[in-house]
N, C-alpha and C. Protein backbone atom coordinates (compact mmCIF):
# COMPACT_ATOMS: atom_id res chain seq x y z
N MET A 1 -8.35 -4.97 21.32
CA MET A 1 -8.89 -5.53 20.23
C MET A 1 -10.31 -5.08 20.05
N THR A 2 -10.80 -4.86 18.84
CA THR A 2 -12.19 -4.34 18.58
C THR A 2 -13.13 -5.43 18.87
N LYS A 3 -14.37 -5.00 19.23
CA LYS A 3 -15.46 -5.97 19.44
C LYS A 3 -15.73 -6.84 18.23
N ILE A 4 -15.63 -6.28 17.11
CA ILE A 4 -15.91 -6.97 15.82
C ILE A 4 -14.89 -8.06 15.68
N ASN A 5 -13.64 -7.82 15.88
CA ASN A 5 -12.59 -8.80 15.79
C ASN A 5 -12.83 -9.91 16.84
N LYS A 6 -13.16 -9.54 18.04
CA LYS A 6 -13.43 -10.59 19.08
C LYS A 6 -14.64 -11.47 18.67
N LYS A 7 -15.66 -10.91 18.13
CA LYS A 7 -16.77 -11.76 17.67
C LYS A 7 -16.33 -12.62 16.56
N LEU A 8 -15.65 -12.17 15.64
CA LEU A 8 -15.20 -12.96 14.53
C LEU A 8 -14.30 -14.11 14.99
N GLU A 9 -13.42 -13.81 15.87
CA GLU A 9 -12.48 -14.85 16.32
C GLU A 9 -13.31 -15.85 17.06
N ARG A 10 -14.22 -15.49 18.00
CA ARG A 10 -15.03 -16.49 18.73
C ARG A 10 -15.84 -17.29 17.78
N LYS A 11 -16.51 -16.63 16.78
CA LYS A 11 -17.41 -17.46 15.99
C LYS A 11 -16.70 -18.24 14.81
N TYR A 12 -15.85 -17.55 14.16
CA TYR A 12 -15.21 -18.22 12.97
C TYR A 12 -13.70 -18.50 13.12
N GLY A 13 -13.07 -17.85 14.08
CA GLY A 13 -11.68 -18.00 14.05
C GLY A 13 -10.94 -17.11 12.94
N VAL A 14 -11.72 -16.08 12.50
CA VAL A 14 -11.26 -15.18 11.44
C VAL A 14 -10.99 -13.77 11.95
N ILE A 15 -9.88 -13.22 11.78
CA ILE A 15 -9.60 -11.90 12.10
C ILE A 15 -9.29 -11.07 10.81
N ASN A 16 -10.03 -9.94 10.77
CA ASN A 16 -9.77 -9.14 9.56
C ASN A 16 -8.62 -8.15 9.81
N MET A 17 -7.52 -8.30 9.11
CA MET A 17 -6.38 -7.47 9.26
C MET A 17 -6.20 -6.66 7.85
N PHE A 18 -5.36 -5.64 7.85
CA PHE A 18 -5.08 -4.98 6.55
C PHE A 18 -3.61 -5.00 6.46
N LYS A 19 -3.26 -5.47 5.18
CA LYS A 19 -1.80 -5.43 4.86
C LYS A 19 -1.51 -4.27 3.96
N LEU A 20 -0.66 -3.32 4.45
CA LEU A 20 -0.20 -2.21 3.55
C LEU A 20 1.09 -2.58 2.99
N THR A 21 1.18 -2.46 1.63
CA THR A 21 2.36 -2.74 0.84
C THR A 21 2.97 -1.55 0.46
N LEU A 22 4.27 -1.26 0.92
CA LEU A 22 4.97 -0.11 0.53
C LEU A 22 5.94 -0.32 -0.65
N LEU A 23 5.70 0.39 -1.67
CA LEU A 23 6.56 0.20 -2.89
C LEU A 23 7.62 1.25 -2.80
N LYS A 24 8.88 0.81 -2.61
CA LYS A 24 9.82 1.87 -2.55
C LYS A 24 10.61 1.97 -3.84
N THR A 25 11.20 3.24 -3.89
CA THR A 25 11.94 3.65 -5.18
C THR A 25 13.11 2.76 -5.58
N ASP A 26 13.67 2.01 -4.47
CA ASP A 26 14.71 1.16 -4.89
C ASP A 26 14.20 -0.29 -5.34
N ASP A 27 12.99 -0.27 -5.68
CA ASP A 27 12.28 -1.52 -6.18
C ASP A 27 12.13 -2.61 -5.11
N THR A 28 12.24 -2.24 -3.82
CA THR A 28 11.95 -3.26 -2.84
C THR A 28 10.52 -3.04 -2.34
N ILE A 29 10.08 -4.04 -1.60
CA ILE A 29 8.70 -3.99 -1.04
C ILE A 29 8.74 -4.16 0.45
N GLU A 30 8.00 -3.47 1.25
CA GLU A 30 7.77 -3.73 2.67
C GLU A 30 6.34 -3.92 2.93
N HIS A 31 6.03 -4.88 3.84
CA HIS A 31 4.67 -5.15 4.25
C HIS A 31 4.48 -4.63 5.73
N HIS A 32 3.41 -3.96 5.96
CA HIS A 32 2.96 -3.36 7.31
C HIS A 32 1.64 -3.92 7.47
N HIS A 33 1.39 -4.43 8.74
CA HIS A 33 0.09 -5.02 9.08
C HIS A 33 -0.59 -4.19 10.12
N PHE A 34 -1.92 -3.95 9.90
CA PHE A 34 -2.75 -3.08 10.79
C PHE A 34 -3.91 -3.84 11.17
N LYS A 35 -4.48 -3.58 12.34
CA LYS A 35 -5.66 -4.13 12.79
C LYS A 35 -6.92 -3.26 12.46
N HIS A 36 -6.68 -2.21 11.75
CA HIS A 36 -7.69 -1.28 11.32
C HIS A 36 -7.26 -0.90 9.97
N GLU A 37 -8.21 -0.31 9.17
CA GLU A 37 -7.96 0.10 7.85
C GLU A 37 -7.02 1.28 7.96
N PRO A 38 -5.79 1.23 7.22
CA PRO A 38 -4.80 2.27 7.26
C PRO A 38 -5.33 3.61 6.99
N THR A 39 -5.03 4.58 7.71
CA THR A 39 -5.30 5.98 7.47
C THR A 39 -4.25 6.74 6.87
N PHE A 40 -4.45 8.05 6.44
CA PHE A 40 -3.41 8.75 5.89
C PHE A 40 -2.31 9.03 6.91
N ASP A 41 -2.78 9.08 8.23
CA ASP A 41 -1.75 9.32 9.35
C ASP A 41 -0.90 8.11 9.49
N ASP A 42 -1.38 6.91 9.12
CA ASP A 42 -0.51 5.81 9.20
C ASP A 42 0.52 5.75 8.03
N MET A 43 0.01 6.33 6.89
CA MET A 43 0.79 6.25 5.66
C MET A 43 1.91 7.41 5.47
N TYR A 44 1.60 8.57 5.99
CA TYR A 44 2.53 9.69 5.89
C TYR A 44 4.02 9.38 6.24
N PRO A 45 4.28 8.79 7.34
CA PRO A 45 5.69 8.48 7.70
C PRO A 45 6.33 7.31 6.80
N LEU A 46 5.48 6.47 6.21
CA LEU A 46 5.89 5.38 5.36
C LEU A 46 6.25 5.99 4.01
N ILE A 47 5.33 6.79 3.48
CA ILE A 47 5.53 7.28 2.09
C ILE A 47 6.48 8.47 2.25
N LYS A 48 6.70 9.07 3.44
CA LYS A 48 7.64 10.21 3.64
C LYS A 48 7.11 11.50 2.87
N CYS A 49 5.97 11.90 3.23
CA CYS A 49 5.30 13.07 2.60
C CYS A 49 4.33 13.74 3.55
N SER A 50 3.85 14.90 3.18
CA SER A 50 2.91 15.64 4.02
C SER A 50 1.54 15.74 3.27
N LEU A 51 1.45 15.37 2.02
CA LEU A 51 0.22 15.43 1.32
C LEU A 51 0.16 14.22 0.34
N ILE A 52 -0.95 13.40 0.50
CA ILE A 52 -1.08 12.15 -0.23
C ILE A 52 -1.98 12.42 -1.39
N GLU A 53 -1.70 11.88 -2.48
CA GLU A 53 -2.49 11.82 -3.71
C GLU A 53 -2.86 10.34 -3.98
N ILE A 54 -4.11 10.10 -4.46
CA ILE A 54 -4.62 8.74 -4.73
C ILE A 54 -4.89 8.60 -6.18
N SER A 55 -4.40 7.54 -6.74
CA SER A 55 -4.71 7.15 -8.15
C SER A 55 -4.96 5.75 -8.17
N GLY A 56 -5.27 5.14 -9.42
CA GLY A 56 -5.61 3.79 -9.51
C GLY A 56 -4.34 2.95 -9.91
N GLY A 57 -4.50 1.67 -9.60
CA GLY A 57 -3.44 0.65 -9.98
C GLY A 57 -4.04 -0.61 -10.29
N TYR A 58 -3.32 -1.40 -11.03
CA TYR A 58 -3.86 -2.72 -11.46
C TYR A 58 -2.73 -3.71 -11.71
N ASP A 59 -2.84 -4.85 -11.15
CA ASP A 59 -1.87 -5.95 -11.36
C ASP A 59 -2.64 -7.19 -11.12
N GLU A 60 -2.81 -8.08 -12.18
CA GLU A 60 -3.58 -9.28 -11.91
C GLU A 60 -2.97 -10.23 -10.88
N ASN A 61 -1.66 -10.08 -10.54
CA ASN A 61 -1.06 -10.90 -9.56
C ASN A 61 -1.34 -10.41 -8.20
N ILE A 62 -1.89 -9.19 -8.04
CA ILE A 62 -2.22 -8.73 -6.81
C ILE A 62 -3.75 -8.83 -6.60
N SER A 63 -4.50 -8.45 -7.54
CA SER A 63 -6.04 -8.54 -7.47
C SER A 63 -6.54 -8.55 -8.88
N LYS A 64 -7.80 -9.17 -9.02
CA LYS A 64 -8.34 -9.07 -10.29
C LYS A 64 -9.16 -7.80 -10.55
N ARG A 65 -9.19 -7.03 -9.42
CA ARG A 65 -9.82 -5.67 -9.50
C ARG A 65 -8.79 -4.65 -9.37
N SER A 66 -9.16 -3.40 -9.65
CA SER A 66 -8.23 -2.23 -9.60
C SER A 66 -8.15 -1.91 -8.14
N PHE A 67 -7.12 -1.26 -7.69
CA PHE A 67 -6.81 -0.85 -6.30
C PHE A 67 -6.32 0.52 -6.24
N ASP A 68 -6.37 1.26 -5.17
CA ASP A 68 -5.97 2.56 -4.95
C ASP A 68 -4.34 2.47 -4.73
N ILE A 69 -3.67 3.51 -5.31
CA ILE A 69 -2.25 3.66 -4.97
C ILE A 69 -2.09 5.00 -4.31
N PHE A 70 -1.46 5.08 -3.15
CA PHE A 70 -1.22 6.31 -2.44
C PHE A 70 0.18 6.71 -2.61
N PHE A 71 0.43 8.10 -2.91
CA PHE A 71 1.76 8.44 -3.20
C PHE A 71 1.86 10.00 -2.82
N ASN A 72 3.06 10.44 -2.75
CA ASN A 72 3.31 11.92 -2.53
C ASN A 72 2.73 12.74 -3.56
N GLU A 73 1.83 13.66 -3.21
CA GLU A 73 1.20 14.54 -4.18
C GLU A 73 2.16 15.23 -5.01
N GLU A 74 3.32 15.54 -4.61
CA GLU A 74 4.26 16.27 -5.34
C GLU A 74 5.18 15.25 -6.18
N GLY A 75 5.01 14.02 -5.94
CA GLY A 75 5.66 13.02 -6.69
C GLY A 75 4.79 12.27 -7.73
N GLY A 76 3.68 12.84 -8.04
CA GLY A 76 2.79 12.28 -8.88
C GLY A 76 3.12 12.43 -10.45
N PRO A 77 2.19 12.14 -11.23
CA PRO A 77 2.35 12.03 -12.69
C PRO A 77 3.00 13.38 -13.26
N LEU A 78 2.72 14.43 -12.68
CA LEU A 78 3.24 15.70 -13.22
C LEU A 78 4.56 16.24 -12.64
N CYS A 79 5.16 15.34 -11.88
CA CYS A 79 6.38 15.72 -11.10
C CYS A 79 7.41 16.15 -12.22
N ILE A 80 8.12 17.19 -11.90
CA ILE A 80 9.25 17.69 -12.73
C ILE A 80 10.55 17.57 -12.00
N GLY A 81 11.57 17.05 -12.75
CA GLY A 81 12.85 16.94 -12.15
C GLY A 81 13.22 15.49 -11.76
N TYR A 82 13.60 14.67 -12.79
CA TYR A 82 13.98 13.32 -12.53
C TYR A 82 15.26 13.30 -11.59
N TYR A 83 15.37 12.36 -10.83
CA TYR A 83 16.58 12.05 -10.01
C TYR A 83 17.68 11.67 -10.93
N ASN A 84 18.80 12.34 -10.84
CA ASN A 84 19.99 11.96 -11.63
C ASN A 84 21.10 12.22 -10.64
N GLU A 85 21.84 11.16 -10.35
CA GLU A 85 22.94 11.30 -9.32
C GLU A 85 23.96 12.48 -9.67
N LYS A 86 24.18 12.66 -10.92
CA LYS A 86 25.28 13.63 -11.28
C LYS A 86 24.58 15.02 -11.42
N ASP A 87 23.61 15.15 -12.32
CA ASP A 87 23.01 16.46 -12.74
C ASP A 87 21.92 16.93 -11.75
N ASN A 88 21.16 16.10 -11.06
CA ASN A 88 20.08 16.53 -10.20
C ASN A 88 19.96 15.62 -8.99
N PRO A 89 20.91 15.63 -8.09
CA PRO A 89 20.81 14.68 -6.92
C PRO A 89 19.61 14.92 -5.95
N ASN A 90 19.00 16.06 -6.02
CA ASN A 90 17.84 16.27 -5.22
C ASN A 90 16.48 16.07 -5.95
N GLY A 91 16.58 15.57 -7.17
CA GLY A 91 15.36 15.35 -7.91
C GLY A 91 14.60 14.14 -7.35
N ALA A 92 13.39 13.90 -7.93
CA ALA A 92 12.59 12.85 -7.48
C ALA A 92 12.89 11.53 -8.09
N LYS A 93 12.87 10.44 -7.24
CA LYS A 93 13.31 9.17 -7.75
C LYS A 93 12.10 8.46 -8.33
N LEU A 94 12.23 7.92 -9.61
CA LEU A 94 11.21 7.13 -10.28
C LEU A 94 10.89 5.93 -9.53
N ASN A 95 9.54 5.67 -9.35
CA ASN A 95 9.09 4.40 -8.77
C ASN A 95 8.55 3.54 -9.96
N LYS A 96 9.47 2.69 -10.43
CA LYS A 96 9.19 1.89 -11.56
C LYS A 96 7.92 0.94 -11.28
N ARG A 97 7.82 0.28 -10.25
CA ARG A 97 6.79 -0.64 -9.95
C ARG A 97 5.42 0.00 -9.84
N ALA A 98 5.39 1.13 -9.19
CA ALA A 98 4.12 1.87 -9.01
C ALA A 98 3.66 2.46 -10.36
N THR A 99 4.66 2.92 -11.14
CA THR A 99 4.29 3.45 -12.53
C THR A 99 3.77 2.33 -13.38
N LYS A 100 4.39 1.18 -13.25
CA LYS A 100 3.74 0.02 -14.04
C LYS A 100 2.39 -0.30 -13.63
N TYR A 101 2.13 -0.33 -12.31
CA TYR A 101 0.71 -0.62 -11.89
C TYR A 101 -0.20 0.44 -12.36
N TRP A 102 0.24 1.69 -12.38
CA TRP A 102 -0.58 2.86 -12.79
C TRP A 102 -0.83 2.69 -14.37
N PHE A 103 0.13 2.43 -15.14
CA PHE A 103 -0.01 2.30 -16.49
C PHE A 103 -0.99 1.20 -16.85
N GLN A 104 -0.91 0.03 -16.11
CA GLN A 104 -1.74 -1.08 -16.31
C GLN A 104 -3.19 -0.75 -16.03
N TRP A 105 -3.46 0.18 -14.99
CA TRP A 105 -4.74 0.57 -14.63
C TRP A 105 -5.25 1.55 -15.71
N LEU A 106 -4.43 2.47 -16.15
CA LEU A 106 -4.84 3.42 -17.27
C LEU A 106 -5.35 2.58 -18.50
N LYS A 107 -4.64 1.47 -18.84
CA LYS A 107 -5.03 0.70 -19.95
C LYS A 107 -6.30 -0.02 -19.79
N LYS A 108 -6.38 -0.56 -18.62
CA LYS A 108 -7.70 -1.27 -18.24
C LYS A 108 -8.87 -0.38 -18.23
N GLU A 109 -8.69 0.85 -17.82
CA GLU A 109 -9.81 1.82 -17.75
C GLU A 109 -9.98 2.70 -19.06
N ASN A 110 -9.20 2.30 -20.04
CA ASN A 110 -9.20 3.08 -21.26
C ASN A 110 -8.99 4.55 -20.98
N ARG A 111 -7.91 4.86 -20.26
CA ARG A 111 -7.53 6.23 -20.01
C ARG A 111 -6.22 6.53 -20.62
N VAL A 112 -5.79 7.79 -20.73
CA VAL A 112 -4.48 8.15 -21.22
C VAL A 112 -3.89 9.14 -20.20
N CYS A 113 -2.54 9.38 -20.44
CA CYS A 113 -1.82 10.25 -19.58
C CYS A 113 -0.94 11.11 -20.47
N LEU A 114 -0.34 12.15 -19.97
CA LEU A 114 0.62 13.01 -20.67
C LEU A 114 1.81 12.10 -21.07
N PRO A 115 2.47 12.41 -22.17
CA PRO A 115 3.68 11.68 -22.54
C PRO A 115 4.78 11.96 -21.42
N ASN A 116 5.49 10.82 -21.17
CA ASN A 116 6.60 10.77 -20.22
C ASN A 116 6.17 10.87 -18.84
N SER A 117 4.87 10.58 -18.57
CA SER A 117 4.39 10.67 -17.16
C SER A 117 4.80 9.46 -16.36
N ALA A 118 4.98 9.57 -15.09
CA ALA A 118 5.45 8.50 -14.26
C ALA A 118 5.16 8.89 -12.80
N ILE A 119 5.33 8.01 -11.87
CA ILE A 119 5.06 8.22 -10.41
C ILE A 119 6.44 8.20 -9.75
N PHE A 120 6.62 9.09 -8.83
CA PHE A 120 7.98 9.23 -8.21
C PHE A 120 7.71 9.08 -6.71
N GLY A 121 8.76 8.65 -6.01
CA GLY A 121 8.81 8.49 -4.55
C GLY A 121 8.10 7.15 -4.06
N ASN A 122 8.14 6.99 -2.82
CA ASN A 122 7.49 5.81 -2.21
C ASN A 122 6.04 5.79 -2.35
N CYS A 123 5.39 4.74 -2.66
CA CYS A 123 3.98 4.55 -2.84
C CYS A 123 3.46 3.36 -1.90
N ALA A 124 2.22 3.35 -1.77
CA ALA A 124 1.53 2.33 -1.01
C ALA A 124 0.18 1.95 -1.53
N TYR A 125 -0.17 0.67 -1.30
CA TYR A 125 -1.52 0.19 -1.42
C TYR A 125 -1.89 -0.76 -0.26
N TYR A 126 -3.11 -0.95 -0.04
CA TYR A 126 -3.36 -1.98 1.08
C TYR A 126 -4.54 -2.86 0.66
N GLN A 127 -4.66 -3.98 1.34
CA GLN A 127 -5.69 -4.91 1.02
C GLN A 127 -6.16 -5.57 2.37
N LYS A 128 -7.49 -5.93 2.39
CA LYS A 128 -7.96 -6.60 3.55
C LYS A 128 -7.32 -8.01 3.60
N GLU A 129 -6.87 -8.40 4.70
CA GLU A 129 -6.26 -9.82 4.83
C GLU A 129 -6.87 -10.52 5.93
N PRO A 130 -8.01 -11.31 5.60
CA PRO A 130 -8.57 -12.10 6.68
C PRO A 130 -7.59 -13.24 7.01
N LEU A 131 -7.37 -13.55 8.29
CA LEU A 131 -6.50 -14.54 8.92
C LEU A 131 -7.33 -15.49 9.64
N VAL A 132 -7.01 -16.72 9.54
CA VAL A 132 -7.70 -17.76 10.42
C VAL A 132 -6.81 -17.80 11.64
N ALA A 133 -7.39 -17.46 12.84
CA ALA A 133 -6.63 -17.39 14.07
C ALA A 133 -6.87 -18.64 14.91
N LYS A 134 -5.66 -19.01 15.45
CA LYS A 134 -5.74 -20.07 16.45
C LYS A 134 -5.91 -19.31 17.81
N SER A 135 -5.21 -18.26 18.00
CA SER A 135 -5.31 -17.52 19.24
C SER A 135 -4.87 -16.08 18.95
N VAL A 136 -5.50 -15.15 19.71
CA VAL A 136 -5.07 -13.69 19.50
C VAL A 136 -4.94 -13.12 20.83
N THR A 137 -3.79 -12.41 21.03
CA THR A 137 -3.45 -11.76 22.27
C THR A 137 -3.18 -10.28 22.01
N GLU A 138 -3.86 -9.33 22.74
CA GLU A 138 -3.48 -7.97 22.68
C GLU A 138 -2.43 -7.68 23.72
N LEU A 139 -1.33 -7.11 23.26
CA LEU A 139 -0.16 -6.82 24.10
C LEU A 139 -0.38 -5.53 24.75
N ASP A 140 0.40 -5.15 25.81
CA ASP A 140 0.29 -3.84 26.52
C ASP A 140 0.51 -2.70 25.62
N ASN A 141 1.38 -2.75 24.57
CA ASN A 141 1.63 -1.67 23.76
C ASN A 141 0.59 -1.52 22.71
N GLY A 142 -0.53 -2.13 22.66
CA GLY A 142 -1.57 -2.02 21.67
C GLY A 142 -1.51 -2.83 20.47
N LEU A 143 -0.30 -3.53 20.32
CA LEU A 143 -0.22 -4.37 19.14
C LEU A 143 -0.88 -5.73 19.44
N MET A 144 -1.14 -6.43 18.40
CA MET A 144 -1.75 -7.76 18.55
C MET A 144 -0.81 -8.87 18.20
N LYS A 145 -0.72 -9.90 19.00
CA LYS A 145 -0.02 -11.15 18.66
C LYS A 145 -0.98 -12.12 18.14
N ILE A 146 -0.83 -12.62 16.99
CA ILE A 146 -1.79 -13.52 16.33
C ILE A 146 -1.09 -14.79 16.04
N ASN A 147 -1.53 -15.93 16.53
CA ASN A 147 -1.12 -17.12 16.10
C ASN A 147 -2.06 -17.75 15.10
N ILE A 148 -1.68 -17.87 13.77
CA ILE A 148 -2.51 -18.21 12.74
C ILE A 148 -2.30 -19.69 12.30
N LYS A 149 -3.35 -20.22 11.76
CA LYS A 149 -3.15 -21.61 11.12
C LYS A 149 -2.47 -21.34 9.76
N GLU A 150 -1.96 -22.32 9.13
CA GLU A 150 -1.16 -22.21 7.91
C GLU A 150 -2.04 -21.60 6.74
N GLU A 151 -3.29 -22.00 6.67
CA GLU A 151 -4.08 -21.61 5.50
C GLU A 151 -4.68 -20.28 5.76
N LYS A 152 -4.89 -19.55 4.71
CA LYS A 152 -5.62 -18.23 4.81
C LYS A 152 -7.08 -18.55 4.30
N CYS A 153 -7.98 -17.58 4.62
CA CYS A 153 -9.49 -17.71 4.24
C CYS A 153 -9.49 -17.65 2.66
């Protein structure tokens, strides 16, 4: 556990964690929790790519501010070759949720994109998630076991 997290827990009972939300192409969502700000190395296996591109996203249900969306550089807005089970089974799968967040960000920022642009493949965004801790235990494998109170900060 980092010294900062120990001090926060001792003083306030607050632990700063990061929640990475993975937006999958099948329209499901997975949450991954980190005790540090997620790095590209943390994201590569989740997004399933070797080069990450960053763009903006916006959804008022997630945050009142814009956030970064991380996705496969080759699955970005200029991706060619839609996934089609019959005609192009190896094409890229459209990520409807990430595309929606991206379009909302474009509108909020008064930006435009090329016609028929979309985001393909798995995408991710992350947020700081302060937790009110009752107790924190660092396990032998480096993971943290956190017993939290019901309310969040």
